[in-house]
């Protein structure tokens, strides 16, 4: 099926027609692009796994950590930038103080949270691989190890406190996820 020819076209085009890729299809066009809603797996073993791979975990946790940390740091820097404004500052100087404060604090806190995400993803994936199962204890131990590793240079007391905080936060996150799955229907 050719498209109608434009009467204003050049005479050299008279032997040509436009190609229609759908001309021989007997399928309605609304069914043509219906995509599957469930994940497709190349190997059947992959469909049995209920968790992300270590590479996906690394990307996910570092990205979420950096994004959350940058947002929180930007808010903190925004507030400190507003507090540092003096009465003699011009509008440009006030805006500059706020933007500099937001950018500086956002980068610092975002990088710290991204590193924490990388440490947690590595420890969590390693523990799951070593233990062969994915449960709450693995996540808590990974959180504990993340806190200890992150603050190891500050001394044993700081590392122990950070480990305890990391373990509690990981436990709360896993418990919250389980509660959401149980009580919130999607």
Foldseek 3Di string as FASTA:
>chain_A
DFDDDDPPDDPVCPVDTDDDPCPPDPDPPVVVPDDDPDDDDPDPVVVVDPDDALVVQLVVQLVVQLVVQLVVQLVVLQVVLQVPDDPPDDPVVSVVSNVVRSVVRSVVRSVLRSLLSNQLSVQLNVQCVVVVHHDLVSQLQSQLVSQLVSCVVVDDVSSNVRSVVRSVVSNVVVVVVVCCVVPPDD
